[in-house]
Every structure is written in C-alpha cells, then in structure tokens.
C-alpha cells in the first residue's frame, strides 16, 4: 500500500524544478571586482554529492550439461546501460559561475586572478515526524496536503580569491540550512526535493559571501594588482 501511495504522491506533487530554483538572483555588488576566472574542484563536488551512477541490465549465457554430465561450463555476461551525473553537481557550478560573472566581478577586461569554490560539511537533518504521522494515519492526512516527508540539509561553502600568481588574497566561509517538503499539491516529489534544497543551500551561502566581498572590494582590488 505504501508503495502505491508514494507513486500517487509523486504524480500529484504540483511543483517541479524551475529555472529560478537553480539560478541565483541577479543582484550585482555595488563594488565589483575586476574580471576573474571562476574555478571549482570537481573531485570535491562529486565527493559531497554523488558522482552520478550507472543503470543497466546483465544477461548471462552458459553451457553446462554435456555428454550426460556436467562440464565445460562457459559463462559470458553482457551488460548495457546508461551512465548519468548528479544534477546537483551541475547546479552548483552553474550558480557559482553566474554569481561570479553577474554579481561579484566585471565580466569584461583582463582577468586579474581566480575565484574558487569548495564545499565543506554537508549535513542531513531530516526528521521522522512527517513520515511517522503519515504512516499512523495510513497516509490519509497527506491527501489533504500534509507533508509526507521533509528534506532538511546544511552546507558549508568556502570561496577563495587568488591573484594571478595564485597567492590567496581572501578566504570566506558561509553556512546555510534549508528545508523543503514532499507533499501533494504544493510540495516537491522525492526526485526533486533534494535537488531543490541543495540549490537553496548553495545560493544562500554564496549570497552571504557576496556581501562580504562587496565590503572588502577595495582592499581586494589593491592586492590583485
């Protein structure tokens, strides 16, 4: 019964990922830095989130009963499938690049250095409250819009600014905590809810860092020369 309910829930959730969910708000700093090269560590991103996965099928073929006895067993395996990447990794790169080029730096002119992104601690803080109430009511309360579950996550983000000699000029860290819900009519389905909360985290943390960079812009510019 639970399996069928979750299927209905996924089909009934009215929200799906939208453009604004995985793109930052365009709000340029008053004190922009000169053009800089945005950099990300893919090994870091894929360690924090999944690196992707592989789905496929396998077929086994064998010959085992020969001359009234078992012998000459031969087995081959044929595997086919599709490799895919975790969408959250691309979301982080997209949001960071747009923050740098639209909000933090002047995208034109000679590049004066580098600005790098690295993710730190990521915490899963989901509560069993919603799933417990849902189960006790045999999921009837979810038909009224009560959340079936929540995705609550925290994320630490580190941004470094380097000059052209790759000497660190400034280092910033920020922490974000966000929650989204799996719910009929107004919530997200299970496939989208974790992507949405991950995007909220990176956008919120980078917004904090962007404001700090704006306050330090004049000093940073001097060290980039």
C-alpha atoms as a PDB file:
ATOM      1  CA  UNK A   1       0.000   0.000   0.000  1.00  0.00           C
ATOM      2  CA  UNK A   2       2.790   2.402   0.887  1.00  0.00           C
ATOM      3  CA  UNK A   3       4.418   1.802  -2.485  1.00  0.00           C
ATOM      4  CA  UNK A   4       1.236   2.728  -4.361  1.00  0.00           C
ATOM      5  CA  UNK A   5       0.674   5.791  -2.189  1.00  0.00           C
ATOM      6  CA  UNK A   6       4.184   7.090  -2.827  1.00  0.00           C
ATOM      7  CA  UNK A   7       3.618   6.654  -6.564  1.00  0.00           C
ATOM      8  CA  UNK A   8       0.402   8.677  -6.370  1.00  0.00           C
ATOM      9  CA  UNK A   9       2.189  11.285  -4.261  1.00  0.00           C
ATOM     10  CA  UNK A  10       4.970  11.678  -6.786  1.00  0.00           C
ATOM     11  CA  UNK A  11       2.450  12.154  -9.590  1.00  0.00           C
ATOM     12  CA  UNK A  12       0.379  14.642  -7.584  1.00  0.00           C
ATOM     13  CA  UNK A  13       3.109  16.968  -6.275  1.00  0.00           C
ATOM     14  CA  UNK A  14       2.367  20.206  -8.084  1.00  0.00           C
ATOM     15  CA  UNK A  15       5.871  21.680  -8.028  1.00  0.00           C
ATOM     16  CA  UNK A  16       8.831  20.713 -10.138  1.00  0.00           C
ATOM     17  CA  UNK A  17      12.258  22.284 -10.501  1.00  0.00           C
ATOM     18  CA  UNK A  18      12.028  25.689 -12.191  1.00  0.00           C
ATOM     19  CA  UNK A  19      14.653  27.988 -13.715  1.00  0.00           C
ATOM     20  CA  UNK A  20      14.722  30.304 -10.704  1.00  0.00           C
ATOM     21  CA  UNK A  21      15.234  27.347  -8.360  1.00  0.00           C
ATOM     22  CA  UNK A  22      18.648  26.519  -9.787  1.00  0.00           C
ATOM     23  CA  UNK A  23      19.838  30.009 -10.753  1.00  0.00           C
ATOM     24  CA  UNK A  24      20.958  32.812  -8.417  1.00  0.00           C
ATOM     25  CA  UNK A  25      19.196  36.124  -8.076  1.00  0.00           C
ATOM     26  CA  UNK A  26      20.944  38.721 -10.220  1.00  0.00           C
ATOM     27  CA  UNK A  27      21.866  41.412  -7.696  1.00  0.00           C
ATOM     28  CA  UNK A  28      25.267  42.903  -8.656  1.00  0.00           C
ATOM     29  CA  UNK A  29      27.561  44.199  -5.932  1.00  0.00           C
ATOM     30  CA  UNK A  30      27.968  47.954  -5.796  1.00  0.00           C
ATOM     31  CA  UNK A  31      31.754  47.419  -5.587  1.00  0.00           C
ATOM     32  CA  UNK A  32      32.528  44.858  -8.258  1.00  0.00           C
ATOM     33  CA  UNK A  33      35.899  43.152  -8.535  1.00  0.00           C
ATOM     34  CA  UNK A  34      37.783  43.089 -11.857  1.00  0.00           C
ATOM     35  CA  UNK A  35      37.296  40.118 -14.154  1.00  0.00           C
ATOM     36  CA  UNK A  36      38.341  36.817 -12.557  1.00  0.00           C
ATOM     37  CA  UNK A  37      38.369  33.171 -13.552  1.00  0.00           C
ATOM     38  CA  UNK A  38      35.839  31.033 -11.617  1.00  0.00           C
ATOM     39  CA  UNK A  39      37.203  27.628 -10.599  1.00  0.00           C
ATOM     40  CA  UNK A  40      35.622  24.559  -8.988  1.00  0.00           C
ATOM     41  CA  UNK A  41      37.097  21.292  -7.739  1.00  0.00           C
ATOM     42  CA  UNK A  42      35.110  18.522  -9.443  1.00  0.00           C
ATOM     43  CA  UNK A  43      36.524  15.838  -7.128  1.00  0.00           C
ATOM     44  CA  UNK A  44      35.265  17.864  -4.178  1.00  0.00           C
ATOM     45  CA  UNK A  45      31.788  18.369  -5.668  1.00  0.00           C
ATOM     46  CA  UNK A  46      31.391  14.720  -6.564  1.00  0.00           C
ATOM     47  CA  UNK A  47      32.561  13.684  -3.107  1.00  0.00           C
ATOM     48  CA  UNK A  48      29.997  15.916  -1.405  1.00  0.00           C
ATOM     49  CA  UNK A  49      27.227  14.828  -3.742  1.00  0.00           C
ATOM     50  CA  UNK A  50      27.125  11.589  -5.670  1.00  0.00           C
ATOM     51  CA  UNK A  51      29.353  11.452  -8.701  1.00  0.00           C
ATOM     52  CA  UNK A  52      26.474  10.017 -10.692  1.00  0.00           C
ATOM     53  CA  UNK A  53      25.648   6.426 -11.382  1.00  0.00           C
ATOM     54  CA  UNK A  54      25.111   3.679 -13.894  1.00  0.00           C
ATOM     55  CA  UNK A  55      21.918   1.827 -14.636  1.00  0.00           C
ATOM     56  CA  UNK A  56      21.896  -1.270 -16.793  1.00  0.00           C
ATOM     57  CA  UNK A  57      20.908  -4.851 -17.333  1.00  0.00           C
ATOM     58  CA  UNK A  58      23.003  -8.015 -17.422  1.00  0.00           C
ATOM     59  CA  UNK A  59      22.392 -11.237 -19.368  1.00  0.00           C
ATOM     60  CA  UNK A  60      24.220 -14.484 -18.602  1.00  0.00           C
ATOM     61  CA  UNK A  61      24.738 -17.299 -21.104  1.00  0.00           C
ATOM     62  CA  UNK A  62      26.152 -20.708 -20.311  1.00  0.00           C
ATOM     63  CA  UNK A  63      26.572 -24.311 -21.411  1.00  0.00           C
ATOM     64  CA  UNK A  64      26.787 -26.799 -18.578  1.00  0.00           C
ATOM     65  CA  UNK A  65      25.261 -30.215 -19.348  1.00  0.00           C
ATOM     66  CA  UNK A  66      27.488 -32.030 -21.805  1.00  0.00           C
ATOM     67  CA  UNK A  67      27.749 -35.795 -22.655  1.00  0.00           C
ATOM     68  CA  UNK A  68      25.385 -36.882 -19.901  1.00  0.00           C
ATOM     69  CA  UNK A  69      27.343 -34.977 -17.289  1.00  0.00           C
ATOM     70  CA  UNK A  70      28.249 -31.538 -16.093  1.00  0.00           C
ATOM     71  CA  UNK A  71      31.295 -29.990 -17.590  1.00  0.00           C
ATOM     72  CA  UNK A  72      32.757 -27.479 -19.930  1.00  0.00           C
ATOM     73  CA  UNK A  73      30.847 -24.694 -18.224  1.00  0.00           C
ATOM     74  CA  UNK A  74      31.197 -21.440 -20.073  1.00  0.00           C
ATOM     75  CA  UNK A  75      29.540 -18.217 -18.957  1.00  0.00           C
ATOM     76  CA  UNK A  76      29.598 -14.787 -20.514  1.00  0.00           C
ATOM     77  CA  UNK A  77      27.966 -11.602 -19.293  1.00  0.00           C
ATOM     78  CA  UNK A  78      26.575  -8.863 -21.476  1.00  0.00           C
ATOM     79  CA  UNK A  79      25.888  -5.503 -19.800  1.00  0.00           C
ATOM     80  CA  UNK A  80      24.251  -2.445 -21.282  1.00  0.00           C
ATOM     81  CA  UNK A  81      23.005   0.718 -19.647  1.00  0.00           C
ATOM     82  CA  UNK A  82      23.319   4.454 -19.200  1.00  0.00           C
ATOM     83  CA  UNK A  83      25.756   6.499 -17.147  1.00  0.00           C
ATOM     84  CA  UNK A  84      24.419   9.711 -15.613  1.00  0.00           C
ATOM     85  CA  UNK A  85      25.652  12.603 -13.498  1.00  0.00           C
ATOM     86  CA  UNK A  86      24.090  14.018 -10.347  1.00  0.00           C
ATOM     87  CA  UNK A  87      22.207  17.179 -11.374  1.00  0.00           C
ATOM     88  CA  UNK A  88      23.210  18.883  -8.110  1.00  0.00           C
ATOM     89  CA  UNK A  89      26.850  18.999  -9.230  1.00  0.00           C
ATOM     90  CA  UNK A  90      25.938  20.947 -12.367  1.00  0.00           C
ATOM     91  CA  UNK A  91      23.608  23.203 -10.344  1.00  0.00           C
ATOM     92  CA  UNK A  92      26.459  24.209  -8.038  1.00  0.00           C
ATOM     93  CA  UNK A  93      28.734  25.022 -10.986  1.00  0.00           C
ATOM     94  CA  UNK A  94      26.005  26.985 -12.765  1.00  0.00           C
ATOM     95  CA  UNK A  95      25.036  29.012  -9.701  1.00  0.00           C
ATOM     96  CA  UNK A  96      28.661  29.780  -8.792  1.00  0.00           C
ATOM     97  CA  UNK A  97      29.618  30.840 -12.334  1.00  0.00           C
ATOM     98  CA  UNK A  98      26.657  33.201 -12.580  1.00  0.00           C
ATOM     99  CA  UNK A  99      27.311  34.653  -9.129  1.00  0.00           C
ATOM    100  CA  UNK A 100      30.897  35.418 -10.152  1.00  0.00           C
ATOM    101  CA  UNK A 101      30.153  36.803 -13.617  1.00  0.00           C
ATOM    102  CA  UNK A 102      26.919  38.653 -12.854  1.00  0.00           C
ATOM    103  CA  UNK A 103      27.124  39.725  -9.215  1.00  0.00           C
ATOM    104  CA  UNK A 104      30.717  39.754  -7.978  1.00  0.00           C
ATOM    105  CA  UNK A 105      33.035  40.676 -10.851  1.00  0.00           C
ATOM    106  CA  UNK A 106      33.109  42.746 -14.002  1.00  0.00           C
ATOM    107  CA  UNK A 107      32.997  40.073 -16.721  1.00  0.00           C
ATOM    108  CA  UNK A 108      34.881  42.259 -19.212  1.00  0.00           C
ATOM    109  CA  UNK A 109      38.545  43.120 -19.493  1.00  0.00           C
ATOM    110  CA  UNK A 110      41.742  41.378 -18.454  1.00  0.00           C
ATOM    111  CA  UNK A 111      41.346  38.743 -15.775  1.00  0.00           C
ATOM    112  CA  UNK A 112      43.191  39.736 -12.628  1.00  0.00           C
ATOM    113  CA  UNK A 113      43.078  36.420 -10.794  1.00  0.00           C
ATOM    114  CA  UNK A 114      40.956  33.459  -9.797  1.00  0.00           C
ATOM    115  CA  UNK A 115      37.969  32.850  -7.544  1.00  0.00           C
ATOM    116  CA  UNK A 116      37.470  29.261  -6.402  1.00  0.00           C
ATOM    117  CA  UNK A 117      34.658  27.296  -4.800  1.00  0.00           C
ATOM    118  CA  UNK A 118      34.916  24.341  -2.447  1.00  0.00           C
ATOM    119  CA  UNK A 119      32.178  22.625  -0.454  1.00  0.00           C
ATOM    120  CA  UNK A 120      32.745  21.551   3.136  1.00  0.00           C
ATOM    121  CA  UNK A 121      30.475  19.783   5.578  1.00  0.00           C
ATOM    122  CA  UNK A 122      27.053  18.747   4.309  1.00  0.00           C
ATOM    123  CA  UNK A 123      24.586  17.559   6.927  1.00  0.00           C
ATOM    124  CA  UNK A 124      21.377  15.581   6.610  1.00  0.00           C
ATOM    125  CA  UNK A 125      18.926  16.704   9.285  1.00  0.00           C
ATOM    126  CA  UNK A 126      15.703  15.026   8.160  1.00  0.00           C
ATOM    127  CA  UNK A 127      13.018  14.420  10.794  1.00  0.00           C
ATOM    128  CA  UNK A 128      10.856  11.294  11.047  1.00  0.00           C
ATOM    129  CA  UNK A 129       7.909  13.376  12.303  1.00  0.00           C
ATOM    130  CA  UNK A 130       6.134  13.731   8.959  1.00  0.00           C
ATOM    131  CA  UNK A 131       6.685  10.161   7.827  1.00  0.00           C
ATOM    132  CA  UNK A 132       5.561   8.846  11.230  1.00  0.00           C
ATOM    133  CA  UNK A 133       2.325  10.870  11.271  1.00  0.00           C
ATOM    134  CA  UNK A 134       1.692   9.868   7.663  1.00  0.00           C
ATOM    135  CA  UNK A 135       2.138   6.169   8.418  1.00  0.00           C
ATOM    136  CA  UNK A 136      -0.044   6.289  11.553  1.00  0.00           C
ATOM    137  CA  UNK A 137      -2.851   7.865   9.545  1.00  0.00           C
ATOM    138  CA  UNK A 138      -2.361   5.351   6.728  1.00  0.00           C
ATOM    139  CA  UNK A 139      -1.370   8.378   4.617  1.00  0.00           C
ATOM    140  CA  UNK A 140      -4.877   9.812   4.681  1.00  0.00           C
ATOM    141  CA  UNK A 141      -3.638  13.173   6.047  1.00  0.00           C
ATOM    142  CA  UNK A 142      -1.365  13.501   3.018  1.00  0.00           C
ATOM    143  CA  UNK A 143      -4.416  13.650   0.770  1.00  0.00           C
ATOM    144  CA  UNK A 144      -5.164  16.973   2.487  1.00  0.00           C
ATOM    145  CA  UNK A 145      -1.675  18.308   1.772  1.00  0.00           C
ATOM    146  CA  UNK A 146       0.152  17.275   4.960  1.00  0.00           C
ATOM    147  CA  UNK A 147       3.844  16.635   4.124  1.00  0.00           C
ATOM    148  CA  UNK A 148       4.815  13.016   3.662  1.00  0.00           C
ATOM    149  CA  UNK A 149       8.444  13.802   4.432  1.00  0.00           C
ATOM    150  CA  UNK A 150      10.998  16.586   4.579  1.00  0.00           C
ATOM    151  CA  UNK A 151      14.490  17.195   3.234  1.00  0.00           C
ATOM    152  CA  UNK A 152      16.486  19.336   5.642  1.00  0.00           C
ATOM    153  CA  UNK A 153      20.141  19.896   4.853  1.00  0.00           C
ATOM    154  CA  UNK A 154      23.013  22.120   5.929  1.00  0.00           C
ATOM    155  CA  UNK A 155      26.018  23.043   3.807  1.00  0.00           C
ATOM    156  CA  UNK A 156      29.360  24.744   4.382  1.00  0.00           C
ATOM    157  CA  UNK A 157      30.766  26.721   1.426  1.00  0.00           C
ATOM    158  CA  UNK A 158      34.296  28.085   1.053  1.00  0.00           C
ATOM    159  CA  UNK A 159      35.347  30.702  -1.504  1.00  0.00           C
ATOM    160  CA  UNK A 160      38.939  31.810  -2.069  1.00  0.00           C
ATOM    161  CA  UNK A 161      40.229  34.738  -4.110  1.00  0.00           C
ATOM    162  CA  UNK A 162      43.714  34.398  -5.620  1.00  0.00           C
ATOM    163  CA  UNK A 163      45.863  36.831  -7.566  1.00  0.00           C
ATOM    164  CA  UNK A 164      47.432  35.902 -10.922  1.00  0.00           C
ATOM    165  CA  UNK A 165      50.374  34.306  -9.093  1.00  0.00           C
ATOM    166  CA  UNK A 166      47.833  32.022  -7.370  1.00  0.00           C
ATOM    167  CA  UNK A 167      48.524  33.583  -3.986  1.00  0.00           C
ATOM    168  CA  UNK A 168      45.481  33.670  -1.712  1.00  0.00           C
ATOM    169  CA  UNK A 169      44.157  37.188  -1.225  1.00  0.00           C
ATOM    170  CA  UNK A 170      40.962  36.441   0.703  1.00  0.00           C
ATOM    171  CA  UNK A 171      39.120  33.416   2.055  1.00  0.00           C
ATOM    172  CA  UNK A 172      35.456  33.301   3.009  1.00  0.00           C
ATOM    173  CA  UNK A 173      33.228  30.612   4.512  1.00  0.00           C
ATOM    174  CA  UNK A 174      29.473  30.559   4.979  1.00  0.00           C
ATOM    175  CA  UNK A 175      26.939  28.053   6.255  1.00  0.00           C
ATOM    176  CA  UNK A 176      23.376  27.547   5.064  1.00  0.00           C
ATOM    177  CA  UNK A 177      20.442  25.489   6.306  1.00  0.00           C
ATOM    178  CA  UNK A 178      17.291  24.883   4.278  1.00  0.00           C
ATOM    179  CA  UNK A 179      14.281  22.598   4.298  1.00  0.00           C
ATOM    180  CA  UNK A 180      11.838  21.509   1.602  1.00  0.00           C
ATOM    181  CA  UNK A 181       8.875  19.137   1.766  1.00  0.00           C
ATOM    182  CA  UNK A 182       7.491  16.171  -0.126  1.00  0.00           C
ATOM    183  CA  UNK A 183       3.765  16.867  -0.302  1.00  0.00           C
ATOM    184  CA  UNK A 184       0.759  16.660  -2.577  1.00  0.00           C
ATOM    185  CA  UNK A 185      -0.432  19.773  -4.408  1.00  0.00           C
ATOM    186  CA  UNK A 186       2.221  22.197  -3.088  1.00  0.00           C
ATOM    187  CA  UNK A 187       5.394  20.252  -2.276  1.00  0.00           C
ATOM    188  CA  UNK A 188       8.051  18.550  -4.365  1.00  0.00           C
ATOM    189  CA  UNK A 189       8.308  14.898  -5.287  1.00  0.00           C
ATOM    190  CA  UNK A 190      11.131  12.734  -3.999  1.00  0.00           C
ATOM    191  CA  UNK A 191      13.145  13.126  -7.198  1.00  0.00           C
ATOM    192  CA  UNK A 192      13.227  16.943  -7.000  1.00  0.00           C
ATOM    193  CA  UNK A 193      13.144  17.788  -3.310  1.00  0.00           C
ATOM    194  CA  UNK A 194      16.837  17.070  -2.622  1.00  0.00           C
ATOM    195  CA  UNK A 195      17.932  18.957  -5.717  1.00  0.00           C
ATOM    196  CA  UNK A 196      15.846  21.958  -4.640  1.00  0.00           C
ATOM    197  CA  UNK A 197      17.199  22.082  -1.081  1.00  0.00           C
ATOM    198  CA  UNK A 198      20.768  21.676  -2.357  1.00  0.00           C
ATOM    199  CA  UNK A 199      20.305  24.627  -4.726  1.00  0.00           C
ATOM    200  CA  UNK A 200      18.816  26.725  -1.921  1.00  0.00           C
ATOM    201  CA  UNK A 201      21.849  25.974   0.246  1.00  0.00           C
ATOM    202  CA  UNK A 202      24.462  26.998  -2.311  1.00  0.00           C
ATOM    203  CA  UNK A 203      22.542  30.153  -3.280  1.00  0.00           C
ATOM    204  CA  UNK A 204      22.076  31.216   0.344  1.00  0.00           C
ATOM    205  CA  UNK A 205      25.735  30.648   1.252  1.00  0.00           C
ATOM    206  CA  UNK A 206      27.046  32.455  -1.833  1.00  0.00           C
ATOM    207  CA  UNK A 207      24.769  35.398  -1.153  1.00  0.00           C
ATOM    208  CA  UNK A 208      26.366  35.758   2.300  1.00  0.00           C
ATOM    209  CA  UNK A 209      29.845  35.586   0.785  1.00  0.00           C
ATOM    210  CA  UNK A 210      28.954  38.021  -1.990  1.00  0.00           C
ATOM    211  CA  UNK A 211      28.037  40.671   0.587  1.00  0.00           C
ATOM    212  CA  UNK A 212      31.315  40.138   2.449  1.00  0.00           C
ATOM    213  CA  UNK A 213      33.269  40.510  -0.788  1.00  0.00           C
ATOM    214  CA  UNK A 214      31.427  43.745  -1.527  1.00  0.00           C
ATOM    215  CA  UNK A 215      32.580  45.161   1.839  1.00  0.00           C
ATOM    216  CA  UNK A 216      36.198  44.133   1.196  1.00  0.00           C
ATOM    217  CA  UNK A 217      36.279  45.004  -2.522  1.00  0.00           C
ATOM    218  CA  UNK A 218      38.626  47.999  -2.346  1.00  0.00           C
ATOM    219  CA  UNK A 219      41.241  46.100  -0.324  1.00  0.00           C
ATOM    220  CA  UNK A 220      40.959  43.076  -2.606  1.00  0.00           C
ATOM    221  CA  UNK A 221      41.493  45.205  -5.715  1.00  0.00           C
ATOM    222  CA  UNK A 222      44.741  46.572  -4.316  1.00  0.00           C
ATOM    223  CA  UNK A 223      46.061  43.059  -3.721  1.00  0.00           C
ATOM    224  CA  UNK A 224      45.129  41.905  -7.213  1.00  0.00           C
ATOM    225  CA  UNK A 225      47.321  44.499  -8.919  1.00  0.00           C
END
